[in-house]
Protein backbone atom coordinates (compact mmCIF):
# COMPACT_ATOMS: atom_id res chain seq x y z
CA MET A 1 -9.47 -12.45 -4.54
CA ILE A 2 -6.06 -13.79 -4.68
CA THR A 3 -3.93 -13.95 -7.25
CA PRO A 4 -3.26 -16.55 -10.10
CA ILE A 5 -1.35 -19.36 -9.52
CA ASN A 6 1.03 -18.87 -12.67
CA ASP A 7 2.16 -15.29 -10.75
CA ARG A 8 6.16 -15.88 -9.38
CA ARG A 9 5.65 -13.48 -6.60
CA ALA A 10 6.97 -15.12 -3.90
CA PHE A 11 3.61 -14.17 -1.60
CA ARG A 12 0.27 -14.29 -3.13
CA ARG A 13 -1.40 -11.28 -2.98
CA MET A 14 -4.58 -10.47 -1.46
CA ALA A 15 -7.06 -7.83 -3.12
CA ILE A 16 -8.78 -5.67 -0.05
CA GLU A 17 -9.47 -2.44 -1.71
CA SER A 18 -9.64 -0.61 1.37
CA PRO A 19 -9.20 2.79 2.93
CA LEU A 20 -5.61 3.71 3.61
CA GLN A 21 -3.59 6.16 5.00
CA ILE A 22 -0.04 7.81 4.27
CA VAL A 23 1.91 10.45 5.83
CA PHE A 24 4.56 11.56 3.43
CA LYS A 25 6.05 14.77 4.58
CA GLY A 26 5.09 15.39 7.93
CA GLN A 27 0.94 15.80 5.67
CA THR A 28 -1.52 13.16 5.79
CA ARG A 29 -3.45 11.65 3.25
CA GLN A 30 -5.94 9.32 2.15
CA GLY A 31 -5.21 6.49 -0.28
CA ILE A 32 -6.68 3.11 -1.15
CA CYS A 33 -5.66 -0.49 -0.77
CA LEU A 34 -5.72 -2.36 -3.65
CA ASP A 35 -4.65 -5.65 -2.26
CA LEU A 36 -2.27 -6.86 0.73
CA SER A 37 0.60 -9.90 0.95
CA ALA A 38 3.43 -10.63 3.61
CA THR A 39 6.02 -7.80 2.17
CA GLY A 40 4.30 -5.27 -0.01
CA MET A 41 0.70 -3.47 -1.42
CA SER A 42 -0.47 -1.62 -4.22
CA ILE A 43 -1.88 1.12 -3.45
CA GLU A 44 -3.78 3.55 -5.14
CA VAL A 45 -3.55 7.58 -4.86
CA THR A 46 -5.23 10.74 -6.57
CA ASP A 47 -1.66 12.69 -6.02
CA SER A 48 1.32 12.60 -8.25
CA GLU A 49 4.47 13.27 -5.99
CA PHE A 50 5.32 10.63 -4.95
CA GLN A 51 8.64 8.70 -6.64
CA VAL A 52 10.58 5.52 -6.62
CA ASP A 53 12.22 5.23 -3.09
CA ASP A 54 10.45 7.46 -1.19
CA VAL A 55 9.42 6.20 2.73
CA ILE A 56 6.25 6.97 2.75
CA GLU A 57 4.45 5.59 6.93
CA VAL A 58 1.14 3.12 6.06
CA HIS A 59 -1.93 3.06 8.27
CA LEU A 60 -5.07 0.55 7.25
CA GLY A 61 -7.27 -0.58 8.92
CA ASN A 62 -9.28 0.78 12.57
CA GLY A 63 -8.54 -2.58 14.35
CA THR A 64 -11.12 -4.35 15.85
CA ALA A 65 -10.22 -6.92 18.86
CA THR A 66 -9.12 -9.27 16.86
CA ALA A 67 -7.65 -7.74 13.84
CA PRO A 68 -5.36 -4.75 14.91
CA PRO A 69 -4.82 -2.19 12.79
CA LEU A 70 -1.51 -2.20 9.74
CA SER A 71 0.57 0.57 10.71
CA GLY A 72 4.24 0.91 9.66
CA GLU A 73 6.77 2.27 6.94
CA ALA A 74 7.11 1.46 3.25
CA LYS A 75 9.08 2.34 0.56
CA ILE A 76 7.70 2.71 -3.64
CA ILE A 77 9.25 0.78 -5.53
CA ARG A 78 6.91 1.34 -8.55
CA VAL A 79 4.80 4.98 -9.58
CA SER A 80 2.06 4.39 -12.84
CA ALA A 81 0.07 6.52 -13.55
CA GLN A 82 -3.93 5.31 -15.05
CA GLY A 83 -5.83 8.03 -15.72
CA ASN A 84 -5.78 11.22 -13.07
CA LYS A 85 -5.02 7.99 -10.48
CA TYR A 86 -1.47 6.61 -9.84
CA ILE A 87 -0.92 3.39 -8.56
CA LEU A 88 1.88 3.14 -5.86
CA ALA A 89 3.20 -0.41 -6.00
CA VAL A 90 5.38 -0.31 -1.82
CA GLU A 91 7.36 -3.16 -0.24
CA LEU A 92 6.60 -3.51 3.57
CA THR A 93 9.99 -2.01 5.33
CA VAL A 94 8.38 -1.48 9.55
CA LEU A 95 6.03 -3.33 10.93
CA LYS A 96 4.83 -1.12 13.85
């Protein structure tokens, strides 16, 4: 699914709902990448320790011959609670 045309974002987001690994404070955590754009992503996590302006490493996918994994650094720009889960809106700052 792609975001609606009336969305004012600079880049469209694609819904992917894929497992993702987050490295934060030297520890690896699991999350789900809900959607992805050229400059950011939304990540669902169960851990509430993340705060706005935290910098995390993200690792999405195992990679294939035609699609390498996405790895890089991201800055958290928004944290919102949804029931017993949290949605992190992150801006991709460095891609590796």
